[in-house]
């Protein structure tokens, strides 16, 4: 879960936790892995049933461009 001080501060971070969840717990960041002796069609049906209506998020991560020196440009 993290560092003890972060866990102890969680009651003060509830609003941020909601923002974090809505940004990063999105289908574009998920991989479904199925292993074992399965049947493909019923498995796809289950995936569609439980995750098919999940909508892609609209959060755009800003990644700074690095200069030739390796430092992020201002």
PDB file of N, CA and C in Angstrom:
ATOM      1  N   UNK A   1       0.809  -1.190   0.000  1.00  0.00           N
ATOM      2  CA  UNK A   1       0.000   0.000   0.000  1.00  0.00           C
ATOM      3  C   UNK A   1       0.854   1.257   0.000  1.00  0.00           C
ATOM      4  N   UNK A   2       2.078   1.182   0.361  1.00  0.00           N
ATOM      5  CA  UNK A   2       2.903   2.380   0.359  1.00  0.00           C
ATOM      6  C   UNK A   2       3.617   2.574   1.676  1.00  0.00           C
ATOM      7  N   UNK A   3       4.129   3.768   1.847  1.00  0.00           N
ATOM      8  CA  UNK A   3       4.828   4.113   3.077  1.00  0.00           C
ATOM      9  C   UNK A   3       3.815   4.343   4.199  1.00  0.00           C
ATOM     10  N   UNK A   4       4.229   4.049   5.442  1.00  0.00           N
ATOM     11  CA  UNK A   4       3.345   4.191   6.595  1.00  0.00           C
ATOM     12  C   UNK A   4       2.780   5.605   6.690  1.00  0.00           C
ATOM     13  N   UNK A   5       3.608   6.622   6.469  1.00  0.00           N
ATOM     14  CA  UNK A   5       3.121   8.003   6.573  1.00  0.00           C
ATOM     15  C   UNK A   5       2.032   8.281   5.538  1.00  0.00           C
ATOM     16  N   UNK A   6       2.138   7.660   4.342  1.00  0.00           N
ATOM     17  CA  UNK A   6       1.111   7.846   3.318  1.00  0.00           C
ATOM     18  C   UNK A   6      -0.193   7.147   3.722  1.00  0.00           C
ATOM     19  N   UNK A   7      -0.062   5.965   4.292  1.00  0.00           N
ATOM     20  CA  UNK A   7      -1.241   5.230   4.743  1.00  0.00           C
ATOM     21  C   UNK A   7      -1.941   5.996   5.863  1.00  0.00           C
ATOM     22  N   UNK A   8      -1.174   6.523   6.786  1.00  0.00           N
ATOM     23  CA  UNK A   8      -1.752   7.281   7.896  1.00  0.00           C
ATOM     24  C   UNK A   8      -2.416   8.571   7.416  1.00  0.00           C
ATOM     25  N   UNK A   9      -1.958   9.125   6.300  1.00  0.00           N
ATOM     26  CA  UNK A   9      -2.504  10.372   5.773  1.00  0.00           C
ATOM     27  C   UNK A   9      -3.681  10.140   4.821  1.00  0.00           C
ATOM     28  N   UNK A  10      -4.051   8.871   4.582  1.00  0.00           N
ATOM     29  CA  UNK A  10      -5.117   8.571   3.618  1.00  0.00           C
ATOM     30  C   UNK A  10      -6.429   9.310   3.877  1.00  0.00           C
ATOM     31  N   UNK A  11      -6.870   9.479   5.118  1.00  0.00           N
ATOM     32  CA  UNK A  11      -8.122  10.237   5.300  1.00  0.00           C
ATOM     33  C   UNK A  11      -8.057  11.648   4.718  1.00  0.00           C
ATOM     34  N   UNK A  12      -6.880  12.220   4.647  1.00  0.00           N
ATOM     35  CA  UNK A  12      -6.717  13.567   4.080  1.00  0.00           C
ATOM     36  C   UNK A  12      -6.550  13.541   2.565  1.00  0.00           C
ATOM     37  N   UNK A  13      -6.414  12.362   1.998  1.00  0.00           N
ATOM     38  CA  UNK A  13      -6.142  12.230   0.563  1.00  0.00           C
ATOM     39  C   UNK A  13      -7.304  11.611  -0.212  1.00  0.00           C
ATOM     40  N   UNK A  14      -8.483  11.568   0.385  1.00  0.00           N
ATOM     41  CA  UNK A  14      -9.618  10.907  -0.262  1.00  0.00           C
ATOM     42  C   UNK A  14      -9.949  11.533  -1.615  1.00  0.00           C
ATOM     43  N   UNK A  15     -10.022  12.859  -1.675  1.00  0.00           N
ATOM     44  CA  UNK A  15     -10.364  13.525  -2.929  1.00  0.00           C
ATOM     45  C   UNK A  15      -9.334  13.199  -4.016  1.00  0.00           C
ATOM     46  N   UNK A  16      -8.052  13.239  -3.650  1.00  0.00           N
ATOM     47  CA  UNK A  16      -7.009  12.891  -4.629  1.00  0.00           C
ATOM     48  C   UNK A  16      -7.134  11.429  -5.064  1.00  0.00           C
ATOM     49  N   UNK A  17      -7.496  10.544  -4.134  1.00  0.00           N
ATOM     50  CA  UNK A  17      -7.623   9.131  -4.490  1.00  0.00           C
ATOM     51  C   UNK A  17      -8.710   8.933  -5.546  1.00  0.00           C
ATOM     52  N   UNK A  18      -9.783   9.713  -5.484  1.00  0.00           N
ATOM     53  CA  UNK A  18     -10.839   9.628  -6.484  1.00  0.00           C
ATOM     54  C   UNK A  18     -10.334  10.105  -7.849  1.00  0.00           C
ATOM     55  N   UNK A  19      -9.541  11.173  -7.850  1.00  0.00           N
ATOM     56  CA  UNK A  19      -8.952  11.674  -9.091  1.00  0.00           C
ATOM     57  C   UNK A  19      -7.998  10.635  -9.677  1.00  0.00           C
ATOM     58  N   UNK A  20      -7.150  10.067  -8.829  1.00  0.00           N
ATOM     59  CA  UNK A  20      -6.195   9.050  -9.269  1.00  0.00           C
ATOM     60  C   UNK A  20      -6.938   7.860  -9.875  1.00  0.00           C
ATOM     61  N   UNK A  21      -7.969   7.390  -9.187  1.00  0.00           N
ATOM     62  CA  UNK A  21      -8.742   6.244  -9.670  1.00  0.00           C
ATOM     63  C   UNK A  21      -9.362   6.546 -11.028  1.00  0.00           C
ATOM     64  N   UNK A  22      -9.984   7.719 -11.178  1.00  0.00           N
ATOM     65  CA  UNK A  22     -10.647   8.027 -12.445  1.00  0.00           C
ATOM     66  C   UNK A  22      -9.656   8.222 -13.594  1.00  0.00           C
ATOM     67  N   UNK A  23      -8.419   8.615 -13.271  1.00  0.00           N
ATOM     68  CA  UNK A  23      -7.397   8.767 -14.316  1.00  0.00           C
ATOM     69  C   UNK A  23      -6.812   7.435 -14.755  1.00  0.00           C
ATOM     70  N   UNK A  24      -6.444   6.600 -13.811  1.00  0.00           N
ATOM     71  CA  UNK A  24      -5.606   5.448 -14.123  1.00  0.00           C
ATOM     72  C   UNK A  24      -6.300   4.092 -14.094  1.00  0.00           C
ATOM     73  N   UNK A  25      -7.445   3.975 -13.473  1.00  0.00           N
ATOM     74  CA  UNK A  25      -8.168   2.710 -13.478  1.00  0.00           C
ATOM     75  C   UNK A  25      -9.147   2.741 -14.639  1.00  0.00           C
ATOM     76  N   UNK A  26      -8.596   2.696 -15.847  1.00  0.00           N
ATOM     77  CA  UNK A  26      -9.344   2.821 -17.093  1.00  0.00           C
ATOM     78  C   UNK A  26      -9.015   1.630 -17.984  1.00  0.00           C
ATOM     79  N   UNK A  27      -9.887   1.327 -18.933  1.00  0.00           N
ATOM     80  CA  UNK A  27      -9.642   0.179 -19.795  1.00  0.00           C
ATOM     81  C   UNK A  27      -8.388   0.302 -20.645  1.00  0.00           C
ATOM     82  N   UNK A  28      -7.966   1.525 -20.964  1.00  0.00           N
ATOM     83  CA  UNK A  28      -6.766   1.666 -21.791  1.00  0.00           C
ATOM     84  C   UNK A  28      -5.486   1.308 -21.046  1.00  0.00           C
ATOM     85  N   UNK A  29      -5.588   1.096 -19.736  1.00  0.00           N
ATOM     86  CA  UNK A  29      -4.430   0.712 -18.933  1.00  0.00           C
ATOM     87  C   UNK A  29      -4.532  -0.726 -18.420  1.00  0.00           C
ATOM     88  N   UNK A  30      -5.470  -1.498 -18.947  1.00  0.00           N
ATOM     89  CA  UNK A  30      -5.745  -2.832 -18.413  1.00  0.00           C
ATOM     90  C   UNK A  30      -5.367  -3.905 -19.423  1.00  0.00           C
ATOM     91  N   UNK A  31      -4.854  -4.990 -18.916  1.00  0.00           N
ATOM     92  CA  UNK A  31      -4.617  -6.177 -19.714  1.00  0.00           C
ATOM     93  C   UNK A  31      -5.319  -7.330 -19.022  1.00  0.00           C
ATOM     94  N   UNK A  32      -6.148  -8.044 -19.753  1.00  0.00           N
ATOM     95  CA  UNK A  32      -6.822  -9.220 -19.212  1.00  0.00           C
ATOM     96  C   UNK A  32      -6.026 -10.433 -19.653  1.00  0.00           C
ATOM     97  N   UNK A  33      -5.582 -11.215 -18.688  1.00  0.00           N
ATOM     98  CA  UNK A  33      -4.817 -12.422 -18.979  1.00  0.00           C
ATOM     99  C   UNK A  33      -5.644 -13.616 -18.536  1.00  0.00           C
ATOM    100  N   UNK A  34      -5.845 -14.555 -19.451  1.00  0.00           N
ATOM    101  CA  UNK A  34      -6.585 -15.763 -19.144  1.00  0.00           C
ATOM    102  C   UNK A  34      -5.664 -16.935 -19.420  1.00  0.00           C
ATOM    103  N   UNK A  35      -5.516 -17.797 -18.451  1.00  0.00           N
ATOM    104  CA  UNK A  35      -4.626 -18.955 -18.616  1.00  0.00           C
ATOM    105  C   UNK A  35      -5.342 -20.209 -18.164  1.00  0.00           C
ATOM    106  N   UNK A  36      -4.980 -21.297 -18.769  1.00  0.00           N
ATOM    107  CA  UNK A  36      -5.547 -22.571 -18.347  1.00  0.00           C
ATOM    108  C   UNK A  36      -6.330 -23.225 -19.465  1.00  0.00           C
ATOM    109  N   UNK A  37      -7.027 -24.265 -19.115  1.00  0.00           N
ATOM    110  CA  UNK A  37      -7.820 -25.030 -20.062  1.00  0.00           C
ATOM    111  C   UNK A  37      -9.182 -24.363 -20.185  1.00  0.00           C
ATOM    112  N   UNK A  38      -9.283 -23.412 -21.101  1.00  0.00           N
ATOM    113  CA  UNK A  38     -10.511 -22.626 -21.241  1.00  0.00           C
ATOM    114  C   UNK A  38     -11.092 -22.807 -22.630  1.00  0.00           C
ATOM    115  N   UNK A  39     -12.319 -22.417 -22.781  1.00  0.00           N
ATOM    116  CA  UNK A  39     -12.963 -22.382 -24.091  1.00  0.00           C
ATOM    117  C   UNK A  39     -13.034 -20.914 -24.495  1.00  0.00           C
ATOM    118  N   UNK A  40     -12.556 -20.593 -25.689  1.00  0.00           N
ATOM    119  CA  UNK A  40     -12.408 -19.200 -26.121  1.00  0.00           C
ATOM    120  C   UNK A  40     -13.731 -18.433 -26.130  1.00  0.00           C
ATOM    121  N   UNK A  41     -14.766 -18.963 -26.723  1.00  0.00           N
ATOM    122  CA  UNK A  41     -16.043 -18.228 -26.849  1.00  0.00           C
ATOM    123  C   UNK A  41     -16.647 -17.899 -25.490  1.00  0.00           C
ATOM    124  N   UNK A  42     -16.832 -18.865 -24.587  1.00  0.00           N
ATOM    125  CA  UNK A  42     -17.394 -18.507 -23.277  1.00  0.00           C
ATOM    126  C   UNK A  42     -16.514 -17.519 -22.506  1.00  0.00           C
ATOM    127  N   UNK A  43     -15.208 -17.622 -22.692  1.00  0.00           N
ATOM    128  CA  UNK A  43     -14.308 -16.695 -22.005  1.00  0.00           C
ATOM    129  C   UNK A  43     -14.475 -15.284 -22.549  1.00  0.00           C
ATOM    130  N   UNK A  44     -14.531 -15.137 -23.868  1.00  0.00           N
ATOM    131  CA  UNK A  44     -14.767 -13.813 -24.465  1.00  0.00           C
ATOM    132  C   UNK A  44     -16.114 -13.252 -24.024  1.00  0.00           C
ATOM    133  N   UNK A  45     -17.119 -14.121 -23.921  1.00  0.00           N
ATOM    134  CA  UNK A  45     -18.438 -13.675 -23.463  1.00  0.00           C
ATOM    135  C   UNK A  45     -18.380 -13.138 -22.034  1.00  0.00           C
ATOM    136  N   UNK A  46     -17.630 -13.808 -21.172  1.00  0.00           N
ATOM    137  CA  UNK A  46     -17.487 -13.332 -19.786  1.00  0.00           C
ATOM    138  C   UNK A  46     -16.753 -11.999 -19.728  1.00  0.00           C
ATOM    139  N   UNK A  47     -15.701 -11.862 -20.519  1.00  0.00           N
ATOM    140  CA  UNK A  47     -14.959 -10.597 -20.558  1.00  0.00           C
ATOM    141  C   UNK A  47     -15.885  -9.482 -21.035  1.00  0.00           C
ATOM    142  N   UNK A  48     -16.648  -9.732 -22.079  1.00  0.00           N
ATOM    143  CA  UNK A  48     -17.585  -8.725 -22.588  1.00  0.00           C
ATOM    144  C   UNK A  48     -18.652  -8.395 -21.538  1.00  0.00           C
ATOM    145  N   UNK A  49     -19.124  -9.412 -20.825  1.00  0.00           N
ATOM    146  CA  UNK A  49     -20.158  -9.204 -19.803  1.00  0.00           C
ATOM    147  C   UNK A  49     -19.668  -8.292 -18.674  1.00  0.00           C
ATOM    148  N   UNK A  50     -18.462  -8.547 -18.188  1.00  0.00           N
ATOM    149  CA  UNK A  50     -17.971  -7.812 -17.023  1.00  0.00           C
ATOM    150  C   UNK A  50     -17.222  -6.534 -17.360  1.00  0.00           C
ATOM    151  N   UNK A  51     -16.638  -6.442 -18.536  1.00  0.00           N
ATOM    152  CA  UNK A  51     -15.842  -5.252 -18.880  1.00  0.00           C
ATOM    153  C   UNK A  51     -16.262  -4.582 -20.179  1.00  0.00           C
ATOM    154  N   UNK A  52     -17.206  -5.130 -20.883  1.00  0.00           N
ATOM    155  CA  UNK A  52     -17.595  -4.599 -22.189  1.00  0.00           C
ATOM    156  C   UNK A  52     -18.137  -3.184 -22.177  1.00  0.00           C
ATOM    157  N   UNK A  53     -18.790  -2.779 -21.106  1.00  0.00           N
ATOM    158  CA  UNK A  53     -19.385  -1.434 -21.050  1.00  0.00           C
ATOM    159  C   UNK A  53     -18.437  -0.389 -20.490  1.00  0.00           C
ATOM    160  N   UNK A  54     -17.240  -0.804 -20.098  1.00  0.00           N
ATOM    161  CA  UNK A  54     -16.273   0.101 -19.497  1.00  0.00           C
ATOM    162  C   UNK A  54     -15.799   1.090 -20.553  1.00  0.00           C
ATOM    163  N   UNK A  55     -15.933   2.383 -20.289  1.00  0.00           N
ATOM    164  CA  UNK A  55     -15.601   3.423 -21.268  1.00  0.00           C
ATOM    165  C   UNK A  55     -14.187   3.962 -21.072  1.00  0.00           C
ATOM    166  N   UNK A  56     -13.559   4.230 -22.185  1.00  0.00           N
ATOM    167  CA  UNK A  56     -12.213   4.795 -22.199  1.00  0.00           C
ATOM    168  C   UNK A  56     -12.218   6.164 -21.512  1.00  0.00           C
ATOM    169  N   UNK A  57     -11.138   6.464 -20.806  1.00  0.00           N
ATOM    170  CA  UNK A  57     -11.020   7.748 -20.128  1.00  0.00           C
ATOM    171  C   UNK A  57     -10.597   8.851 -21.079  1.00  0.00           C
ATOM    172  N   UNK A  58     -10.568  10.083 -20.564  1.00  0.00           N
ATOM    173  CA  UNK A  58     -10.160  11.209 -21.403  1.00  0.00           C
ATOM    174  C   UNK A  58      -8.936  11.940 -20.843  1.00  0.00           C
ATOM    175  N   UNK A  59      -8.302  11.361 -19.829  1.00  0.00           N
ATOM    176  CA  UNK A  59      -7.123  11.975 -19.234  1.00  0.00           C
ATOM    177  C   UNK A  59      -5.934  11.832 -20.179  1.00  0.00           C
ATOM    178  N   UNK A  60      -5.228  12.931 -20.402  1.00  0.00           N
ATOM    179  CA  UNK A  60      -4.031  12.923 -21.257  1.00  0.00           C
ATOM    180  C   UNK A  60      -2.807  13.182 -20.400  1.00  0.00           C
ATOM    181  N   UNK A  61      -1.872  12.248 -20.391  1.00  0.00           N
ATOM    182  CA  UNK A  61      -0.643  12.406 -19.641  1.00  0.00           C
ATOM    183  C   UNK A  61       0.284  13.348 -20.392  1.00  0.00           C
ATOM    184  N   UNK A  62       0.856  14.301 -19.678  1.00  0.00           N
ATOM    185  CA  UNK A  62       1.808  15.220 -20.290  1.00  0.00           C
ATOM    186  C   UNK A  62       3.216  14.704 -20.004  1.00  0.00           C
ATOM    187  N   UNK A  63       3.918  14.339 -21.052  1.00  0.00           N
ATOM    188  CA  UNK A  63       5.270  13.814 -20.932  1.00  0.00           C
ATOM    189  C   UNK A  63       6.221  14.864 -21.490  1.00  0.00           C
ATOM    190  N   UNK A  64       7.099  15.426 -20.641  1.00  0.00           N
ATOM    191  CA  UNK A  64       8.006  16.466 -21.133  1.00  0.00           C
ATOM    192  C   UNK A  64       9.007  15.907 -22.144  1.00  0.00           C
ATOM    193  N   UNK A  65       9.342  16.731 -23.113  1.00  0.00           N
ATOM    194  CA  UNK A  65      10.316  16.347 -24.134  1.00  0.00           C
ATOM    195  C   UNK A  65      11.712  16.599 -23.584  1.00  0.00           C
ATOM    196  N   UNK A  66      12.577  15.606 -23.740  1.00  0.00           N
ATOM    197  CA  UNK A  66      13.948  15.746 -23.242  1.00  0.00           C
ATOM    198  C   UNK A  66      14.820  16.443 -24.282  1.00  0.00           C
ATOM    199  N   UNK A  67      15.747  17.223 -23.792  1.00  0.00           N
ATOM    200  CA  UNK A  67      16.724  17.882 -24.668  1.00  0.00           C
ATOM    201  C   UNK A  67      17.892  16.928 -24.888  1.00  0.00           C
ATOM    202  N   UNK A  68      18.857  17.355 -25.680  1.00  0.00           N
ATOM    203  CA  UNK A  68      20.024  16.520 -25.948  1.00  0.00           C
ATOM    204  C   UNK A  68      20.821  16.240 -24.681  1.00  0.00           C
ATOM    205  N   UNK A  69      20.688  17.082 -23.656  1.00  0.00           N
ATOM    206  CA  UNK A  69      21.427  16.884 -22.404  1.00  0.00           C
ATOM    207  C   UNK A  69      20.721  15.896 -21.481  1.00  0.00           C
ATOM    208  N   UNK A  70      19.495  15.491 -21.855  1.00  0.00           N
ATOM    209  CA  UNK A  70      18.761  14.545 -21.034  1.00  0.00           C
ATOM    210  C   UNK A  70      17.845  15.182 -20.025  1.00  0.00           C
ATOM    211  N   UNK A  71      17.818  16.517 -19.980  1.00  0.00           N
ATOM    212  CA  UNK A  71      16.938  17.229 -19.037  1.00  0.00           C
ATOM    213  C   UNK A  71      15.652  17.605 -19.759  1.00  0.00           C
ATOM    214  N   UNK A  72      14.578  17.633 -19.008  1.00  0.00           N
ATOM    215  CA  UNK A  72      13.301  18.019 -19.595  1.00  0.00           C
ATOM    216  C   UNK A  72      13.345  19.487 -19.987  1.00  0.00           C
ATOM    217  N   UNK A  73      12.781  19.781 -21.147  1.00  0.00           N
ATOM    218  CA  UNK A  73      12.722  21.159 -21.624  1.00  0.00           C
ATOM    219  C   UNK A  73      11.740  21.940 -20.768  1.00  0.00           C
ATOM    220  N   UNK A  74      12.006  23.227 -20.556  1.00  0.00           N
ATOM    221  CA  UNK A  74      11.106  24.043 -19.727  1.00  0.00           C
ATOM    222  C   UNK A  74       9.746  24.239 -20.359  1.00  0.00           C
TER     223      UNK A  74
END
